[in-house]
């Protein structure tokens, strides 16, 4: 199994503050994202990823986010097997100290 690239919440925050355009996907459930998501992230619950592969572009890199980074890690492995470039935000939203917005 390929080693999945990771990004720390702090690295992600720096990139966002520097104005980088990032493809972030929050794979938590609807009731979880209600408490706030990273601004600019797209919400696609983990269970919907397989049927929504057409929304992803193989030329872009996606950063997957969940509560603790376990589910996003699983999504990263799945997406990696489909040929997508992915990164897992380690620690998930529990480690995120940056700003959040409600969906």
N, C-alpha and C. Protein backbone atom coordinates (compact mmCIF):
# COMPACT_ATOMS: atom_id res chain seq x y z
N UNK A 1 0.85 -1.20 0.00
CA UNK A 1 0.00 0.00 0.00
C UNK A 1 0.89 1.25 0.00
N UNK A 2 0.52 2.21 -0.83
CA UNK A 2 1.31 3.44 -0.90
C UNK A 2 1.24 4.23 0.39
N UNK A 3 2.36 4.86 0.71
CA UNK A 3 2.36 5.74 1.87
C UNK A 3 1.61 7.01 1.47
N UNK A 4 0.67 7.41 2.33
CA UNK A 4 -0.13 8.60 2.03
C UNK A 4 0.59 9.84 2.57
N UNK A 5 0.68 10.85 1.73
CA UNK A 5 1.27 12.12 2.17
C UNK A 5 0.35 12.75 3.21
N UNK A 6 0.95 13.46 4.15
CA UNK A 6 0.13 14.13 5.16
C UNK A 6 0.48 15.62 5.18
N UNK A 7 -0.37 16.36 5.84
CA UNK A 7 -0.12 17.78 6.07
C UNK A 7 -0.63 18.06 7.49
N UNK A 8 0.12 18.86 8.23
CA UNK A 8 -0.33 19.18 9.59
C UNK A 8 -1.31 20.34 9.51
N UNK A 9 -2.18 20.46 10.53
CA UNK A 9 -3.10 21.60 10.54
C UNK A 9 -2.35 22.94 10.48
N UNK A 10 -1.18 23.00 11.13
CA UNK A 10 -0.40 24.23 11.14
C UNK A 10 0.13 24.56 9.73
N UNK A 11 0.62 23.52 9.02
CA UNK A 11 1.11 23.74 7.65
C UNK A 11 -0.04 24.20 6.75
N UNK A 12 -1.19 23.56 6.93
CA UNK A 12 -2.35 23.92 6.12
C UNK A 12 -2.76 25.37 6.38
N UNK A 13 -2.76 25.74 7.64
CA UNK A 13 -3.14 27.11 8.00
C UNK A 13 -2.18 28.12 7.37
N UNK A 14 -0.88 27.81 7.40
CA UNK A 14 0.11 28.71 6.79
C UNK A 14 -0.14 28.87 5.29
N UNK A 15 -0.42 27.75 4.62
CA UNK A 15 -0.67 27.81 3.18
C UNK A 15 -1.90 28.66 2.88
N UNK A 16 -2.95 28.48 3.68
CA UNK A 16 -4.17 29.26 3.46
C UNK A 16 -3.92 30.74 3.72
N UNK A 17 -3.16 31.03 4.78
CA UNK A 17 -2.86 32.43 5.10
C UNK A 17 -2.01 33.07 4.01
N UNK A 18 -1.21 32.24 3.33
CA UNK A 18 -0.36 32.75 2.25
C UNK A 18 -1.15 32.90 0.96
N UNK A 19 -2.45 32.54 1.02
CA UNK A 19 -3.31 32.72 -0.15
C UNK A 19 -3.24 31.59 -1.15
N UNK A 20 -2.68 30.44 -0.76
CA UNK A 20 -2.62 29.33 -1.70
C UNK A 20 -4.03 28.80 -1.96
N UNK A 21 -4.27 28.42 -3.20
CA UNK A 21 -5.58 27.86 -3.58
C UNK A 21 -5.47 26.35 -3.37
N UNK A 22 -6.18 25.85 -2.38
CA UNK A 22 -6.08 24.43 -2.06
C UNK A 22 -7.42 23.75 -2.25
N UNK A 23 -7.35 22.48 -2.62
CA UNK A 23 -8.57 21.67 -2.77
C UNK A 23 -8.72 20.87 -1.49
N UNK A 24 -9.61 21.33 -0.61
CA UNK A 24 -9.82 20.65 0.67
C UNK A 24 -11.20 20.02 0.67
N UNK A 25 -11.26 18.78 1.14
CA UNK A 25 -12.53 18.06 1.20
C UNK A 25 -12.73 17.55 2.62
N UNK A 26 -13.83 17.97 3.22
CA UNK A 26 -14.18 17.54 4.58
C UNK A 26 -15.11 16.34 4.43
N UNK A 27 -14.70 15.18 4.96
CA UNK A 27 -15.47 13.95 4.76
C UNK A 27 -16.33 13.57 5.98
N UNK A 28 -16.48 14.52 6.92
CA UNK A 28 -17.31 14.22 8.09
C UNK A 28 -18.79 14.21 7.71
N UNK A 29 -19.60 13.74 8.64
CA UNK A 29 -21.04 13.68 8.42
C UNK A 29 -21.65 15.08 8.57
N UNK A 30 -22.88 15.22 8.08
CA UNK A 30 -23.57 16.53 8.10
C UNK A 30 -23.66 17.13 9.50
N UNK A 31 -23.97 16.28 10.50
CA UNK A 31 -24.12 16.83 11.85
C UNK A 31 -22.78 17.29 12.43
N UNK A 32 -21.68 16.72 11.93
CA UNK A 32 -20.35 17.14 12.41
C UNK A 32 -19.92 18.47 11.80
N UNK A 33 -20.13 18.64 10.49
CA UNK A 33 -19.68 19.88 9.85
C UNK A 33 -20.54 21.06 10.28
N UNK A 34 -21.70 20.79 10.86
CA UNK A 34 -22.56 21.87 11.33
C UNK A 34 -21.84 22.75 12.36
N UNK A 35 -20.86 22.19 13.06
CA UNK A 35 -20.13 22.94 14.07
C UNK A 35 -19.02 23.80 13.46
N UNK A 36 -18.76 23.62 12.18
CA UNK A 36 -17.77 24.46 11.52
C UNK A 36 -16.80 23.67 10.68
N UNK A 37 -16.45 24.25 9.55
CA UNK A 37 -15.49 23.67 8.61
C UNK A 37 -14.40 24.69 8.34
N UNK A 38 -13.30 24.22 7.79
CA UNK A 38 -12.24 25.14 7.38
C UNK A 38 -12.79 25.93 6.18
N UNK A 39 -12.71 27.26 6.23
CA UNK A 39 -13.23 28.05 5.10
C UNK A 39 -12.58 27.62 3.79
N UNK A 40 -13.40 27.41 2.78
CA UNK A 40 -12.89 27.00 1.47
C UNK A 40 -12.96 25.50 1.26
N UNK A 41 -13.21 24.73 2.32
CA UNK A 41 -13.31 23.28 2.16
C UNK A 41 -14.66 22.92 1.57
N UNK A 42 -14.66 21.84 0.83
CA UNK A 42 -15.89 21.32 0.24
C UNK A 42 -16.35 20.16 1.12
N UNK A 43 -17.64 20.02 1.34
CA UNK A 43 -18.13 18.94 2.18
C UNK A 43 -18.66 17.79 1.32
N UNK A 44 -18.00 16.64 1.43
CA UNK A 44 -18.50 15.42 0.79
C UNK A 44 -18.37 14.31 1.84
N UNK A 45 -19.49 13.87 2.45
CA UNK A 45 -19.38 12.82 3.46
C UNK A 45 -18.67 11.58 2.91
N UNK A 46 -17.89 10.93 3.77
CA UNK A 46 -17.06 9.80 3.36
C UNK A 46 -17.84 8.78 2.53
N UNK A 47 -19.06 8.45 2.95
CA UNK A 47 -19.84 7.44 2.24
C UNK A 47 -20.24 7.82 0.83
N UNK A 48 -20.17 9.12 0.51
CA UNK A 48 -20.57 9.58 -0.83
C UNK A 48 -19.40 9.68 -1.81
N UNK A 49 -18.18 9.55 -1.29
CA UNK A 49 -17.00 9.74 -2.15
C UNK A 49 -17.02 8.83 -3.39
N UNK A 50 -17.23 7.50 -3.22
CA UNK A 50 -17.16 6.63 -4.41
C UNK A 50 -18.09 7.03 -5.54
N UNK A 51 -19.32 7.48 -5.21
CA UNK A 51 -20.25 7.83 -6.28
C UNK A 51 -20.03 9.25 -6.80
N UNK A 52 -19.13 10.00 -6.17
CA UNK A 52 -18.89 11.38 -6.60
C UNK A 52 -17.48 11.59 -7.15
N UNK A 53 -16.85 10.49 -7.59
CA UNK A 53 -15.48 10.59 -8.13
C UNK A 53 -15.39 11.54 -9.32
N UNK A 54 -16.50 11.68 -10.05
CA UNK A 54 -16.50 12.57 -11.23
C UNK A 54 -16.31 14.03 -10.84
N UNK A 55 -16.44 14.36 -9.54
CA UNK A 55 -16.24 15.74 -9.10
C UNK A 55 -14.76 16.05 -8.83
N UNK A 56 -13.91 15.02 -8.95
CA UNK A 56 -12.49 15.20 -8.66
C UNK A 56 -11.68 15.22 -9.96
N UNK A 57 -10.55 15.91 -9.91
CA UNK A 57 -9.69 16.09 -11.08
C UNK A 57 -8.33 15.47 -10.76
N UNK A 58 -7.86 14.55 -11.61
CA UNK A 58 -6.59 13.86 -11.34
C UNK A 58 -5.38 14.78 -11.43
N UNK A 59 -5.57 15.99 -11.98
CA UNK A 59 -4.44 16.93 -12.07
C UNK A 59 -4.28 17.76 -10.81
N UNK A 60 -5.23 17.65 -9.89
CA UNK A 60 -5.16 18.46 -8.67
C UNK A 60 -4.82 17.57 -7.49
N UNK A 61 -4.31 18.21 -6.42
CA UNK A 61 -4.06 17.48 -5.19
C UNK A 61 -5.16 17.84 -4.20
N UNK A 62 -5.69 16.85 -3.53
CA UNK A 62 -6.78 17.06 -2.57
C UNK A 62 -6.31 16.79 -1.16
N UNK A 63 -6.72 17.66 -0.26
CA UNK A 63 -6.43 17.49 1.16
C UNK A 63 -7.73 17.04 1.82
N UNK A 64 -7.70 15.86 2.43
CA UNK A 64 -8.90 15.32 3.07
C UNK A 64 -8.84 15.57 4.57
N UNK A 65 -10.00 15.91 5.10
CA UNK A 65 -10.12 16.33 6.49
C UNK A 65 -11.29 15.59 7.14
N UNK A 66 -11.10 15.13 8.38
CA UNK A 66 -12.23 14.61 9.15
C UNK A 66 -12.04 15.06 10.60
N UNK A 67 -12.65 14.35 11.55
CA UNK A 67 -12.56 14.79 12.93
C UNK A 67 -11.18 14.53 13.52
N UNK A 68 -10.66 13.31 13.32
CA UNK A 68 -9.39 12.95 13.96
C UNK A 68 -8.32 12.52 12.98
N UNK A 69 -8.64 12.37 11.72
CA UNK A 69 -7.80 11.96 10.59
C UNK A 69 -7.86 10.46 10.30
N UNK A 70 -8.71 9.70 10.97
CA UNK A 70 -8.84 8.26 10.67
C UNK A 70 -9.66 8.05 9.40
N UNK A 71 -10.85 8.64 9.34
CA UNK A 71 -11.68 8.48 8.14
C UNK A 71 -11.03 9.11 6.93
N UNK A 72 -10.46 10.31 7.11
CA UNK A 72 -9.84 10.96 5.95
C UNK A 72 -8.66 10.12 5.46
N UNK A 73 -8.00 9.42 6.40
CA UNK A 73 -6.90 8.51 5.99
C UNK A 73 -7.43 7.39 5.12
N UNK A 74 -8.59 6.82 5.50
CA UNK A 74 -9.20 5.76 4.69
C UNK A 74 -9.58 6.29 3.32
N UNK A 75 -10.14 7.49 3.28
CA UNK A 75 -10.53 8.10 2.01
C UNK A 75 -9.28 8.33 1.16
N UNK A 76 -8.19 8.77 1.78
CA UNK A 76 -6.94 9.00 1.04
C UNK A 76 -6.45 7.71 0.38
N UNK A 77 -6.49 6.60 1.12
CA UNK A 77 -6.06 5.31 0.54
C UNK A 77 -6.94 4.94 -0.65
N UNK A 78 -8.25 5.10 -0.49
CA UNK A 78 -9.19 4.78 -1.56
C UNK A 78 -8.91 5.66 -2.79
N UNK A 79 -8.79 6.96 -2.57
CA UNK A 79 -8.58 7.91 -3.68
C UNK A 79 -7.23 7.67 -4.36
N UNK A 80 -6.23 7.33 -3.55
CA UNK A 80 -4.90 7.03 -4.07
C UNK A 80 -4.98 5.82 -5.02
N UNK A 81 -5.76 4.83 -4.64
CA UNK A 81 -5.93 3.64 -5.49
C UNK A 81 -6.65 3.97 -6.79
N UNK A 82 -7.47 5.03 -6.77
CA UNK A 82 -8.18 5.45 -7.98
C UNK A 82 -7.30 6.36 -8.85
N UNK A 83 -6.08 6.65 -8.38
CA UNK A 83 -5.15 7.45 -9.17
C UNK A 83 -5.15 8.94 -8.87
N UNK A 84 -5.73 9.33 -7.71
CA UNK A 84 -5.76 10.75 -7.35
C UNK A 84 -4.59 11.11 -6.44
N UNK A 85 -4.17 12.39 -6.51
CA UNK A 85 -3.12 12.91 -5.62
C UNK A 85 -3.82 13.41 -4.36
N UNK A 86 -3.40 12.86 -3.23
CA UNK A 86 -4.10 13.18 -1.98
C UNK A 86 -3.13 13.44 -0.83
N UNK A 87 -3.63 14.15 0.16
CA UNK A 87 -2.94 14.37 1.43
C UNK A 87 -3.96 14.25 2.53
N UNK A 88 -3.54 13.73 3.67
CA UNK A 88 -4.42 13.62 4.83
C UNK A 88 -4.00 14.67 5.85
N UNK A 89 -4.96 15.47 6.32
CA UNK A 89 -4.64 16.43 7.38
C UNK A 89 -4.60 15.66 8.71
N UNK A 90 -3.37 15.50 9.24
CA UNK A 90 -3.22 14.71 10.46
C UNK A 90 -3.80 15.44 11.66
N UNK A 91 -4.43 14.66 12.53
CA UNK A 91 -5.04 15.24 13.72
C UNK A 91 -6.46 15.71 13.50
N UNK A 92 -6.83 15.90 12.23
CA UNK A 92 -8.19 16.30 11.90
C UNK A 92 -8.61 17.61 12.54
N UNK A 93 -9.92 17.81 12.56
CA UNK A 93 -10.46 19.07 13.09
C UNK A 93 -10.21 19.21 14.59
N UNK A 94 -9.95 18.11 15.27
CA UNK A 94 -9.66 18.20 16.71
C UNK A 94 -8.35 18.97 16.93
N UNK A 95 -7.47 18.96 15.91
CA UNK A 95 -6.18 19.66 16.03
C UNK A 95 -6.17 21.01 15.32
N UNK A 96 -7.28 21.37 14.68
CA UNK A 96 -7.34 22.61 13.91
C UNK A 96 -7.61 23.79 14.84
N UNK A 97 -6.73 24.79 14.80
CA UNK A 97 -6.94 25.96 15.65
C UNK A 97 -7.26 27.20 14.83
N UNK A 98 -7.28 27.04 13.52
CA UNK A 98 -7.57 28.16 12.64
C UNK A 98 -9.05 28.50 12.64
N UNK A 99 -9.42 29.38 11.75
CA UNK A 99 -10.81 29.83 11.73
C UNK A 99 -11.68 28.74 11.12
N UNK A 100 -12.95 28.75 11.50
CA UNK A 100 -13.91 27.82 10.90
C UNK A 100 -15.14 28.61 10.52
N UNK A 101 -15.88 28.05 9.60
CA UNK A 101 -17.15 28.69 9.26
C UNK A 101 -18.21 27.61 9.20
N UNK A 102 -19.43 27.99 9.50
CA UNK A 102 -20.52 27.01 9.42
C UNK A 102 -20.96 26.89 7.97
N UNK A 103 -21.26 25.67 7.56
CA UNK A 103 -21.65 25.46 6.14
C UNK A 103 -22.97 26.13 5.81
